[in-house]
């Protein structure tokens, strides 16, 4: 399994659509996704990625840290950091807070917005992806906005029609399609993320630069494939044919963390997931991620998360997002 797929498997994204909107030019609104928006589909995720899927017309989107981008029918924009953003027929207009325009559903289904000046129309579905265990090296490397043309992939027509159908089912109050939306949202994010990574030059953001570097990418693959192995910077450098000093410097520059610090980050990510899913005892989970003693694992886990492995498990916060089918 490649490193990117491994990370996505462990953070376990899920999501949904909570709002359908119909705008007419001129219009401009601002907002960001809140945990409350997610609640009908996902129990209070700690990390949220906002999404807007344009089904008709076009719009612009901008955050405080990004230039305006144009989005047309069949394209989806994802905001990996859930920044407050403007979207509209033009983002140069003074925005109206989206929360002031939302009409809550009476009998389940999707909330709605109908707003604008009566000109050219734009329709979109607003949603999110969420997780409880974000992997900081990946998410911090992403730009404020990702855009994907759903129709450009081989399965684009199927994804678009399935997304529309499932959203229509939810809008009609048939929330069983929430699981379909969750999986489609995840597929779209993975596709957008993969294309973004492939488009980056070798000297890109930390961690992504590591993936693109042939030798550092091999080192990352080894750490992800065999996290329980007693790696040292020297043994890892030897495995990919580099001197220890050159490897350590290059790894830190490309990944954003020294090799052993990154290994600890990944081990803790895996351990938190396994504990939340109830897989094995604390000692067994610790051994599975490279700790020979329960005491050493417990110390490392508490240093990283601020709580003991046992408390993490008992608190009832499952790090695997759950799709629910009630409003």
Protein backbone atom coordinates (compact mmCIF):
# COMPACT_ATOMS: atom_id res chain seq x y z
CA UNK A 1 0.00 0.00 0.00
CA UNK A 2 1.43 3.45 -0.88
CA UNK A 3 1.98 6.06 1.84
CA UNK A 4 -0.90 8.32 0.84
CA UNK A 5 -3.38 5.43 0.79
CA UNK A 6 -2.07 4.25 4.14
CA UNK A 7 -2.67 7.65 5.74
CA UNK A 8 -6.17 7.92 4.29
CA UNK A 9 -6.99 4.42 5.53
CA UNK A 10 -6.02 5.30 9.10
CA UNK A 11 -7.65 8.74 9.39
CA UNK A 12 -10.91 7.25 8.05
CA UNK A 13 -12.70 10.21 6.47
CA UNK A 14 -16.46 10.18 6.14
CA UNK A 15 -18.96 12.86 5.25
CA UNK A 16 -22.28 14.02 3.93
CA UNK A 17 -24.32 16.75 2.27
CA UNK A 18 -26.37 19.05 4.53
CA UNK A 19 -27.51 21.90 2.26
CA UNK A 20 -28.85 22.45 -1.24
CA UNK A 21 -28.68 26.00 -2.55
CA UNK A 22 -30.03 27.91 -5.52
CA UNK A 23 -28.59 31.36 -6.18
CA UNK A 24 -29.26 33.96 -8.86
CA UNK A 25 -26.81 36.68 -9.85
CA UNK A 26 -25.68 38.91 -8.38
CA UNK A 27 -24.99 37.09 -5.12
CA UNK A 28 -22.23 36.53 -2.59
CA UNK A 29 -22.32 34.69 0.74
CA UNK A 30 -19.76 33.79 3.38
CA UNK A 31 -19.49 30.94 5.82
CA UNK A 32 -17.75 27.82 7.06
CA UNK A 33 -18.99 24.38 8.07
CA UNK A 34 -19.72 23.91 11.77
CA UNK A 35 -19.89 20.65 13.76
CA UNK A 36 -23.63 21.28 14.07
CA UNK A 37 -23.95 21.20 10.26
CA UNK A 38 -22.36 17.74 10.31
CA UNK A 39 -24.47 16.32 13.13
CA UNK A 40 -27.24 14.74 11.02
CA UNK A 41 -24.60 12.56 9.34
CA UNK A 42 -21.56 12.43 11.62
CA UNK A 43 -21.17 12.77 15.37
CA UNK A 44 -19.18 16.00 15.99
CA UNK A 45 -15.97 15.45 13.98
CA UNK A 46 -12.86 17.15 15.33
CA UNK A 47 -11.58 18.00 11.85
CA UNK A 48 -13.78 19.24 9.00
CA UNK A 49 -13.15 19.66 5.28
CA UNK A 50 -15.85 21.78 3.63
CA UNK A 51 -17.10 21.03 0.10
CA UNK A 52 -19.28 22.69 -2.56
CA UNK A 53 -20.42 20.70 -5.59
CA UNK A 54 -21.76 22.92 -8.39
CA UNK A 55 -24.56 21.12 -10.23
CA UNK A 56 -25.61 24.02 -12.50
CA UNK A 57 -24.19 27.41 -13.42
CA UNK A 58 -20.92 28.72 -12.03
CA UNK A 59 -19.48 30.67 -9.11
CA UNK A 60 -16.29 32.05 -7.59
CA UNK A 61 -14.72 30.95 -4.28
CA UNK A 62 -12.09 32.73 -2.21
CA UNK A 63 -10.55 32.48 1.26
CA UNK A 64 -8.49 35.10 3.06
CA UNK A 65 -5.34 33.20 2.02
CA UNK A 66 -6.22 32.36 -1.57
CA UNK A 67 -7.08 34.12 -4.80
CA UNK A 68 -10.58 33.74 -6.24
CA UNK A 69 -11.10 30.65 -8.39
CA UNK A 70 -13.89 29.94 -10.86
CA UNK A 71 -16.00 26.82 -10.34
CA UNK A 72 -18.38 25.51 -12.99
CA UNK A 73 -21.08 22.85 -13.22
CA UNK A 74 -19.59 19.40 -12.63
CA UNK A 75 -16.76 20.72 -10.46
CA UNK A 76 -16.34 20.37 -6.71
CA UNK A 77 -14.26 22.58 -4.42
CA UNK A 78 -12.88 21.28 -1.15
CA UNK A 79 -11.52 23.48 1.64
CA UNK A 80 -9.08 21.22 3.54
CA UNK A 81 -8.74 23.62 6.50
CA UNK A 82 -12.43 24.61 6.61
CA UNK A 83 -11.45 28.28 6.38
CA UNK A 84 -14.17 30.91 6.38
CA UNK A 85 -14.73 31.69 2.72
CA UNK A 86 -16.75 33.72 0.25
CA UNK A 87 -18.57 32.21 -2.69
CA UNK A 88 -20.79 33.97 -5.19
CA UNK A 89 -21.37 35.14 -8.74
CA UNK A 90 -18.45 37.42 -7.85
CA UNK A 91 -16.59 37.46 -4.56
CA UNK A 92 -16.03 41.21 -4.87
CA UNK A 93 -19.54 41.86 -3.53
CA UNK A 94 -20.18 42.37 0.17
CA UNK A 95 -21.13 38.88 1.39
CA UNK A 96 -24.22 37.91 3.35
CA UNK A 97 -23.55 35.34 6.12
CA UNK A 98 -24.87 32.00 4.86
CA UNK A 99 -26.36 31.25 8.27
CA UNK A 100 -28.83 34.11 7.84
CA UNK A 101 -30.22 32.55 4.65
CA UNK A 102 -30.62 28.90 5.61
CA UNK A 103 -34.14 27.47 5.71
CA UNK A 104 -34.22 24.43 7.96
CA UNK A 105 -36.15 21.37 6.71
CA UNK A 106 -39.51 20.67 8.30
CA UNK A 107 -39.65 16.91 7.79
CA UNK A 108 -36.02 15.84 7.61
CA UNK A 109 -33.96 16.10 4.46
CA UNK A 110 -31.65 18.91 3.46
CA UNK A 111 -31.62 22.52 4.59
CA UNK A 112 -32.08 25.01 1.73
CA UNK A 113 -30.97 28.43 0.56
CA UNK A 114 -32.71 30.38 -2.20
CA UNK A 115 -31.14 33.80 -2.66
CA UNK A 116 -29.97 36.34 -5.20
CA UNK A 117 -30.78 39.16 -7.55
CA UNK A 118 -32.78 37.29 -10.17
CA UNK A 119 -30.08 36.86 -12.84
CA UNK A 120 -28.18 33.78 -14.02
CA UNK A 121 -28.72 30.78 -11.76
CA UNK A 122 -26.26 28.60 -9.86
CA UNK A 123 -27.16 25.43 -7.98
CA UNK A 124 -24.89 23.62 -5.56
CA UNK A 125 -24.77 20.99 -2.86
CA UNK A 126 -22.83 21.92 0.27
CA UNK A 127 -21.24 19.20 2.35
CA UNK A 128 -18.23 18.11 4.33
CA UNK A 129 -15.73 15.41 5.12
CA UNK A 130 -14.81 14.84 8.72
CA UNK A 131 -12.51 12.78 10.90
CA UNK A 132 -11.51 12.59 14.54
CA UNK A 133 -7.84 11.77 13.97
CA UNK A 134 -6.39 14.17 11.38
CA UNK A 135 -2.82 13.40 10.31
CA UNK A 136 -1.14 16.81 10.60
CA UNK A 137 1.75 16.25 8.14
CA UNK A 138 -0.75 15.59 5.33
CA UNK A 139 -3.45 18.14 6.08
CA UNK A 140 -1.07 20.99 6.87
CA UNK A 141 0.56 20.47 3.45
CA UNK A 142 -2.68 21.10 1.54
CA UNK A 143 -3.66 24.46 0.01
CA UNK A 144 -6.69 26.47 1.19
CA UNK A 145 -8.77 25.25 -1.79
CA UNK A 146 -8.71 22.11 -3.94
CA UNK A 147 -10.80 21.92 -7.12
CA UNK A 148 -11.77 18.79 -9.02
CA UNK A 149 -13.66 18.43 -12.31
CA UNK A 150 -15.76 15.38 -11.50
CA UNK A 151 -16.57 14.81 -15.16
CA UNK A 152 -12.93 14.58 -16.24
CA UNK A 153 -12.26 11.12 -14.78
CA UNK A 154 -13.23 7.83 -16.41
CA UNK A 155 -15.90 7.23 -13.77
CA UNK A 156 -16.91 10.90 -13.62
CA UNK A 157 -20.38 10.50 -15.14
CA UNK A 158 -21.19 7.67 -12.73
CA UNK A 159 -19.90 9.61 -9.70
CA UNK A 160 -21.81 12.75 -10.66
CA UNK A 161 -25.10 10.94 -11.30
CA UNK A 162 -24.75 8.88 -8.11
CA UNK A 163 -23.98 12.00 -6.08
CA UNK A 164 -27.01 13.80 -7.49
CA UNK A 165 -29.28 10.79 -6.88
CA UNK A 166 -28.13 10.25 -3.30
CA UNK A 167 -28.47 13.96 -2.50
CA UNK A 168 -31.97 13.92 -3.97
CA UNK A 169 -32.88 10.98 -1.76
CA UNK A 170 -31.65 12.83 1.32
CA UNK A 171 -33.50 15.99 0.27
CA UNK A 172 -36.67 13.90 0.10
CA UNK A 173 -36.10 12.73 3.68
CA UNK A 174 -34.77 9.27 2.76
CA UNK A 175 -31.58 9.46 4.82
CA UNK A 176 -30.51 5.90 4.06
CA UNK A 177 -28.52 7.39 1.18
CA UNK A 178 -26.24 9.11 3.72
CA UNK A 179 -23.83 6.19 3.49
CA UNK A 180 -23.65 6.60 -0.30
CA UNK A 181 -22.88 10.31 0.03
CA UNK A 182 -20.21 9.55 2.63
CA UNK A 183 -18.38 7.14 0.35
CA UNK A 184 -18.72 9.35 -2.74
CA UNK A 185 -17.41 12.36 -0.80
CA UNK A 186 -14.42 10.33 0.30
CA UNK A 187 -13.76 9.15 -3.27
CA UNK A 188 -13.90 12.72 -4.58
CA UNK A 189 -11.48 13.94 -1.91
CA UNK A 190 -9.04 11.12 -2.63
CA UNK A 191 -9.20 11.87 -6.36
CA UNK A 192 -8.64 15.61 -5.78
CA UNK A 193 -5.82 14.90 -3.35
CA UNK A 194 -4.11 12.43 -5.68
CA UNK A 195 -4.22 14.86 -8.59
CA UNK A 196 -2.87 17.65 -6.41
CA UNK A 197 0.04 15.52 -5.19
CA UNK A 198 0.86 14.42 -8.75
CA UNK A 199 0.83 18.04 -9.95
CA UNK A 200 3.33 19.25 -7.36
CA UNK A 201 7.00 19.89 -8.22
CA UNK A 202 9.73 18.17 -6.24
CA UNK A 203 10.22 21.27 -4.07
CA UNK A 204 6.63 21.45 -2.80
CA UNK A 205 5.16 21.62 0.71
CA UNK A 206 6.76 19.48 3.43
CA UNK A 207 5.54 15.87 3.46
CA UNK A 208 4.28 16.17 -0.12
CA UNK A 209 7.88 16.92 -1.10
CA UNK A 210 8.87 13.76 0.75
CA UNK A 211 6.39 11.70 -1.24
CA UNK A 212 7.77 13.11 -4.50
CA UNK A 213 11.43 12.54 -3.58
CA UNK A 214 12.45 9.05 -4.82
CA UNK A 215 14.71 8.21 -1.87
CA UNK A 216 12.77 9.93 0.91
CA UNK A 217 9.58 8.47 -0.56
CA UNK A 218 11.11 5.00 -0.18
CA UNK A 219 11.98 5.77 3.44
CA UNK A 220 8.41 6.88 4.13
CA UNK A 221 7.12 3.71 2.49
CA UNK A 222 9.33 1.59 4.76
CA UNK A 223 8.15 3.39 7.90
CA UNK A 224 4.52 2.95 6.91
CA UNK A 225 4.91 -0.67 5.82
CA UNK A 226 6.89 -1.75 8.92
CA UNK A 227 6.14 0.73 11.73
CA UNK A 228 6.84 -1.78 14.50
CA UNK A 229 10.41 -2.38 13.35
CA UNK A 230 13.08 -0.87 15.66
CA UNK A 231 14.17 1.72 13.12
CA UNK A 232 17.00 4.17 13.69
CA UNK A 233 18.01 7.00 11.39
CA UNK A 234 21.10 4.96 10.54
CA UNK A 235 19.24 1.74 9.68
CA UNK A 236 16.67 3.63 7.63
CA UNK A 237 19.39 5.50 5.74
CA UNK A 238 21.16 2.21 5.02
CA UNK A 239 17.95 0.65 3.72
CA UNK A 240 17.68 3.31 1.00
CA UNK A 241 21.40 3.64 0.27
CA UNK A 242 22.17 7.03 1.83
CA UNK A 243 24.60 8.19 4.49
CA UNK A 244 23.00 8.88 7.86
CA UNK A 245 23.85 12.59 7.94
CA UNK A 246 22.67 13.33 4.40
CA UNK A 247 19.52 11.26 4.92
CA UNK A 248 18.58 12.90 8.24
CA UNK A 249 19.00 16.40 6.82
CA UNK A 250 17.12 15.63 3.62
CA UNK A 251 14.28 13.79 5.38
CA UNK A 252 13.68 16.69 7.78
CA UNK A 253 13.74 19.20 4.92
CA UNK A 254 11.36 17.19 2.71
CA UNK A 255 8.98 15.85 5.36
CA UNK A 256 9.02 18.62 7.97
CA UNK A 257 10.05 16.31 10.84
CA UNK A 258 13.22 14.34 11.67
CA UNK A 259 12.89 10.63 10.78
CA UNK A 260 12.35 9.28 14.30
CA UNK A 261 9.93 12.06 15.21
CA UNK A 262 7.89 11.27 12.12
CA UNK A 263 7.90 7.57 13.03
CA UNK A 264 6.53 8.43 16.47
CA UNK A 265 3.79 10.57 14.91
CA UNK A 266 2.74 7.69 12.68
CA UNK A 267 2.89 5.12 15.47
CA UNK A 268 0.65 7.29 17.67
CA UNK A 269 -1.79 7.80 14.80
CA UNK A 270 -2.10 4.04 14.31
CA UNK A 271 -2.32 3.36 18.05
CA UNK A 272 -5.11 5.87 18.59
CA UNK A 273 -7.12 4.33 15.77
CA UNK A 274 -6.65 0.78 17.07
CA UNK A 275 -7.51 1.75 20.65
CA UNK A 276 -10.63 3.58 19.52
CA UNK A 277 -11.75 0.53 17.58
CA UNK A 278 -11.13 -1.75 20.58
CA UNK A 279 -8.51 -3.83 18.81
CA UNK A 280 -6.51 -5.68 21.47
CA UNK A 281 -5.27 -4.68 24.91
CA UNK A 282 -3.14 -1.60 25.53
CA UNK A 283 -0.05 -3.81 25.60
CA UNK A 284 -1.03 -5.52 22.33
CA UNK A 285 -1.64 -2.20 20.57
CA UNK A 286 1.67 -0.86 21.86
CA UNK A 287 3.52 -3.94 20.62
CA UNK A 288 1.81 -3.68 17.22
CA UNK A 289 3.18 -0.16 16.73
CA UNK A 290 6.72 -0.88 17.93
CA UNK A 291 6.81 -0.68 21.74
CA UNK A 292 8.10 -3.73 23.61
CA UNK A 293 6.73 -2.64 26.99
CA UNK A 294 3.30 -1.33 27.92
CA UNK A 295 4.90 1.27 30.19
CA UNK A 296 7.02 2.75 27.38
CA UNK A 297 4.03 2.85 25.06
CA UNK A 298 1.80 4.47 27.69
CA UNK A 299 4.40 7.18 28.36
CA UNK A 300 4.77 7.95 24.64
CA UNK A 301 1.01 7.97 24.09
CA UNK A 302 0.33 10.31 27.03
CA UNK A 303 3.12 12.63 25.93
CA UNK A 304 1.57 12.83 22.46
CA UNK A 305 -2.17 12.99 23.27
CA UNK A 306 -2.17 14.26 26.86
CA UNK A 307 -4.10 11.23 28.11
CA UNK A 308 -3.35 7.57 28.79
CA UNK A 309 -4.16 4.81 26.28
CA UNK A 310 -6.71 3.36 28.70
CA UNK A 311 -8.47 6.70 29.11
CA UNK A 312 -8.49 7.20 25.35
CA UNK A 313 -10.25 3.88 24.92
CA UNK A 314 -12.72 4.39 27.81
CA UNK A 315 -13.77 7.91 26.88
CA UNK A 316 -16.08 6.55 24.18
CA UNK A 317 -14.79 8.82 21.39
CA UNK A 318 -14.52 6.44 18.50
CA UNK A 319 -11.91 7.87 16.09
CA UNK A 320 -13.65 6.10 13.24
CA UNK A 321 -16.40 8.49 12.03
CA UNK A 322 -19.88 7.01 12.08
CA UNK A 323 -22.57 7.82 9.56
CA UNK A 324 -25.98 7.99 11.20
CA UNK A 325 -29.34 8.11 9.49
CA UNK A 326 -31.35 10.41 11.72
CA UNK A 327 -31.57 14.21 11.73
